[in-house]
């Protein structure tokens, strides 16, 4: 093989390897870009957060959560992947209602908070409790609702059904498709002296 053929041969191999590396890098960059676009990364993360909302120097709501992640893409939302607790207070600062869940996501634009997994709403005034696996809290319209199975426990009965709507303090509610009701009887004489 003469000198020019050897040089041409080695240059061809060099160009071929360079092309392979270029396309290989290009494919990896496309994968990385695709990954970054499809799997959103939080722009802000908080640990053991406490959020206090007040009006006219009166605390209205306190929210606590072990972890909070804020996202901007595809739309602005806050995720609470390890659950949360929200306490709402009346104008005198007394507890009005409490909402807890194992997971939640709050959408900034629509002001909707979606809660899932062991959602519990407690009316501290009338001693009522709501249990469900999925709940929407519409802060803009001051209401909570669900299209899933719900159980409501009051001092005198337990009500079961599918679908539920209420004001956000759980004062007035309706079950959209009632499934059953259990009356609770209390022994009024329990604990009294039996003479």
Protein backbone atom coordinates (compact mmCIF):
# COMPACT_ATOMS: atom_id res chain seq x y z
CA UNK A 1 0.00 0.00 0.00
CA UNK A 2 1.54 3.31 -0.97
CA UNK A 3 1.80 6.37 1.26
CA UNK A 4 -1.22 8.28 -0.16
CA UNK A 5 -3.52 5.29 0.12
CA UNK A 6 -2.47 4.76 3.76
CA UNK A 7 -3.09 8.42 4.63
CA UNK A 8 -6.46 8.37 2.84
CA UNK A 9 -7.38 5.11 4.59
CA UNK A 10 -6.55 6.51 8.06
CA UNK A 11 -8.34 9.80 7.32
CA UNK A 12 -11.42 7.83 6.28
CA UNK A 13 -11.36 5.84 9.51
CA UNK A 14 -10.89 9.06 11.50
CA UNK A 15 -13.89 10.69 9.75
CA UNK A 16 -16.02 7.56 10.30
CA UNK A 17 -15.20 7.43 14.04
CA UNK A 18 -15.85 11.18 14.40
CA UNK A 19 -19.25 10.78 12.73
CA UNK A 20 -20.14 7.90 15.02
CA UNK A 21 -19.16 9.90 18.11
CA UNK A 22 -21.09 12.95 16.88
CA UNK A 23 -24.29 10.99 16.28
CA UNK A 24 -23.84 9.11 19.54
CA UNK A 25 -23.50 12.39 21.47
CA UNK A 26 -26.43 13.87 19.60
CA UNK A 27 -28.65 10.93 20.60
CA UNK A 28 -27.57 11.23 24.23
CA UNK A 29 -28.29 14.98 24.24
CA UNK A 30 -31.74 14.33 22.76
CA UNK A 31 -32.41 11.80 25.52
CA UNK A 32 -31.27 14.23 28.22
CA UNK A 33 -33.35 17.07 26.77
CA UNK A 34 -36.37 14.80 26.45
CA UNK A 35 -35.92 13.59 30.02
CA UNK A 36 -35.67 17.14 31.36
CA UNK A 37 -38.81 18.19 29.49
CA UNK A 38 -40.93 15.15 30.34
CA UNK A 39 -39.90 14.70 33.95
CA UNK A 40 -40.29 18.09 35.55
CA UNK A 41 -37.80 19.12 38.19
CA UNK A 42 -38.91 21.20 41.17
CA UNK A 43 -37.77 24.82 41.13
CA UNK A 44 -38.14 24.98 44.90
CA UNK A 45 -38.20 22.40 47.71
CA UNK A 46 -39.06 22.89 51.36
CA UNK A 47 -38.75 20.54 54.34
CA UNK A 48 -41.02 20.75 57.41
CA UNK A 49 -42.90 23.76 56.04
CA UNK A 50 -45.51 25.88 57.80
CA UNK A 51 -47.68 28.28 55.81
CA UNK A 52 -49.84 30.81 57.68
CA UNK A 53 -52.58 32.78 55.94
CA UNK A 54 -54.15 35.71 57.80
CA UNK A 55 -56.63 38.51 57.12
CA UNK A 56 -56.81 41.71 59.16
CA UNK A 57 -54.20 40.38 61.62
CA UNK A 58 -56.32 37.27 62.26
CA UNK A 59 -54.97 33.82 61.38
CA UNK A 60 -57.39 32.09 59.02
CA UNK A 61 -55.42 29.02 57.91
CA UNK A 62 -52.26 27.17 58.94
CA UNK A 63 -50.86 24.48 56.65
CA UNK A 64 -48.00 22.17 57.65
CA UNK A 65 -46.28 19.51 55.53
CA UNK A 66 -43.10 17.40 55.80
CA UNK A 67 -42.10 18.10 52.16
CA UNK A 68 -43.18 20.72 49.61
CA UNK A 69 -42.06 20.85 45.96
CA UNK A 70 -42.87 23.78 43.64
CA UNK A 71 -42.98 23.27 39.87
CA UNK A 72 -43.32 25.77 37.03
CA UNK A 73 -43.66 23.38 34.05
CA UNK A 74 -46.10 22.53 32.45
CA UNK A 75 -48.04 24.87 34.78
CA UNK A 76 -47.31 26.32 38.21
CA UNK A 77 -48.26 23.91 40.99
CA UNK A 78 -47.15 22.84 44.45
CA UNK A 79 -46.93 19.17 45.38
CA UNK A 80 -47.00 17.78 48.91
CA UNK A 81 -45.80 14.21 48.30
CA UNK A 82 -45.73 13.18 51.98
CA UNK A 83 -49.05 14.66 52.99
CA UNK A 84 -50.25 17.77 54.78
CA UNK A 85 -52.45 19.18 57.52
CA UNK A 86 -54.59 22.31 57.12
CA UNK A 87 -56.23 23.95 60.13
CA UNK A 88 -58.90 26.63 59.56
CA UNK A 89 -59.91 29.10 62.24
CA UNK A 90 -62.95 31.28 62.88
CA UNK A 91 -62.80 35.05 63.45
CA UNK A 92 -61.99 34.53 67.15
CA UNK A 93 -59.07 32.21 66.38
CA UNK A 94 -60.85 29.02 67.43
CA UNK A 95 -60.30 25.86 65.32
CA UNK A 96 -63.12 25.51 62.80
CA UNK A 97 -62.05 22.56 60.65
CA UNK A 98 -59.02 20.39 59.88
CA UNK A 99 -58.10 18.64 56.61
CA UNK A 100 -55.37 15.98 56.39
CA UNK A 101 -54.22 13.69 53.56
CA UNK A 102 -51.23 11.55 52.54
CA UNK A 103 -50.65 13.43 49.23
CA UNK A 104 -51.77 16.70 47.67
CA UNK A 105 -51.21 18.99 44.70
CA UNK A 106 -52.25 22.66 44.59
CA UNK A 107 -52.66 24.38 41.21
CA UNK A 108 -51.84 28.10 41.37
CA UNK A 109 -53.98 29.36 38.51
CA UNK A 110 -57.21 27.48 39.28
CA UNK A 111 -56.75 27.66 43.10
CA UNK A 112 -57.66 23.98 43.35
CA UNK A 113 -56.05 21.66 45.86
CA UNK A 114 -56.36 17.96 45.03
CA UNK A 115 -55.90 15.65 48.03
CA UNK A 116 -55.58 11.85 47.87
CA UNK A 117 -55.09 8.82 50.07
CA UNK A 118 -56.68 8.71 53.51
CA UNK A 119 -58.25 12.17 53.30
CA UNK A 120 -59.91 13.24 56.55
CA UNK A 121 -61.96 16.40 57.12
CA UNK A 122 -62.96 17.22 60.69
CA UNK A 123 -65.58 19.82 61.66
CA UNK A 124 -64.35 20.86 65.11
CA UNK A 125 -67.55 22.75 65.94
CA UNK A 126 -70.21 20.09 65.22
CA UNK A 127 -67.95 17.05 65.78
CA UNK A 128 -68.34 15.64 62.25
CA UNK A 129 -65.71 13.67 60.30
CA UNK A 130 -65.46 12.96 56.57
CA UNK A 131 -63.29 10.08 55.27
CA UNK A 132 -62.53 9.57 51.56
CA UNK A 133 -59.66 8.69 49.21
CA UNK A 134 -59.96 11.74 46.93
CA UNK A 135 -61.04 15.32 47.61
CA UNK A 136 -60.91 18.63 45.76
CA UNK A 137 -60.67 21.87 47.75
CA UNK A 138 -61.77 24.83 45.62
CA UNK A 139 -60.29 27.75 47.56
CA UNK A 140 -61.63 30.34 45.11
CA UNK A 141 -65.23 29.24 45.73
CA UNK A 142 -64.77 28.16 49.38
CA UNK A 143 -65.98 24.59 48.84
CA UNK A 144 -64.79 21.01 49.00
CA UNK A 145 -66.09 18.08 46.96
CA UNK A 146 -65.40 14.52 45.87
CA UNK A 147 -66.76 12.08 43.28
CA UNK A 148 -65.46 9.04 45.22
CA UNK A 149 -66.83 6.95 48.08
CA UNK A 150 -67.26 8.96 51.30
CA UNK A 151 -68.07 8.16 54.92
CA UNK A 152 -69.41 10.90 57.20
CA UNK A 153 -69.51 10.31 60.94
CA UNK A 154 -71.62 12.58 63.15
CA UNK A 155 -72.40 12.23 66.87
CA UNK A 156 -75.59 10.26 66.10
CA UNK A 157 -75.01 8.48 62.74
CA UNK A 158 -72.62 7.27 60.04
CA UNK A 159 -73.57 7.98 56.41
CA UNK A 160 -72.04 6.26 53.36
CA UNK A 161 -72.25 7.33 49.73
CA UNK A 162 -70.61 8.27 46.45
CA UNK A 163 -69.90 11.93 45.76
CA UNK A 164 -69.97 14.79 48.20
CA UNK A 165 -70.17 18.60 48.23
CA UNK A 166 -69.70 21.02 51.12
CA UNK A 167 -68.55 24.48 52.13
CA UNK A 168 -64.84 24.46 52.98
CA UNK A 169 -65.55 24.46 56.73
CA UNK A 170 -67.69 21.30 56.40
CA UNK A 171 -70.68 23.04 58.00
CA UNK A 172 -73.28 22.25 55.33
CA UNK A 173 -72.88 19.21 53.09
CA UNK A 174 -74.74 16.86 50.77
CA UNK A 175 -73.95 13.32 49.66
CA UNK A 176 -74.74 13.01 45.96
CA UNK A 177 -75.53 9.27 45.96
CA UNK A 178 -76.29 8.04 49.49
CA UNK A 179 -75.64 4.31 49.98
CA UNK A 180 -76.61 3.75 53.59
CA UNK A 181 -76.87 5.07 57.10
CA UNK A 182 -76.11 3.62 60.53
CA UNK A 183 -77.72 5.20 63.59
CA UNK A 184 -75.49 5.37 66.63
CA UNK A 185 -77.07 4.82 70.04
CA UNK A 186 -75.43 6.17 73.15
CA UNK A 187 -75.95 4.65 76.56
CA UNK A 188 -76.89 7.77 78.52
CA UNK A 189 -76.77 5.95 81.83
CA UNK A 190 -73.27 4.54 81.23
CA UNK A 191 -70.96 5.55 84.01
CA UNK A 192 -73.77 6.48 86.38
CA UNK A 193 -74.29 4.69 89.67
CA UNK A 194 -76.74 1.76 89.31
CA UNK A 195 -78.69 1.92 92.59
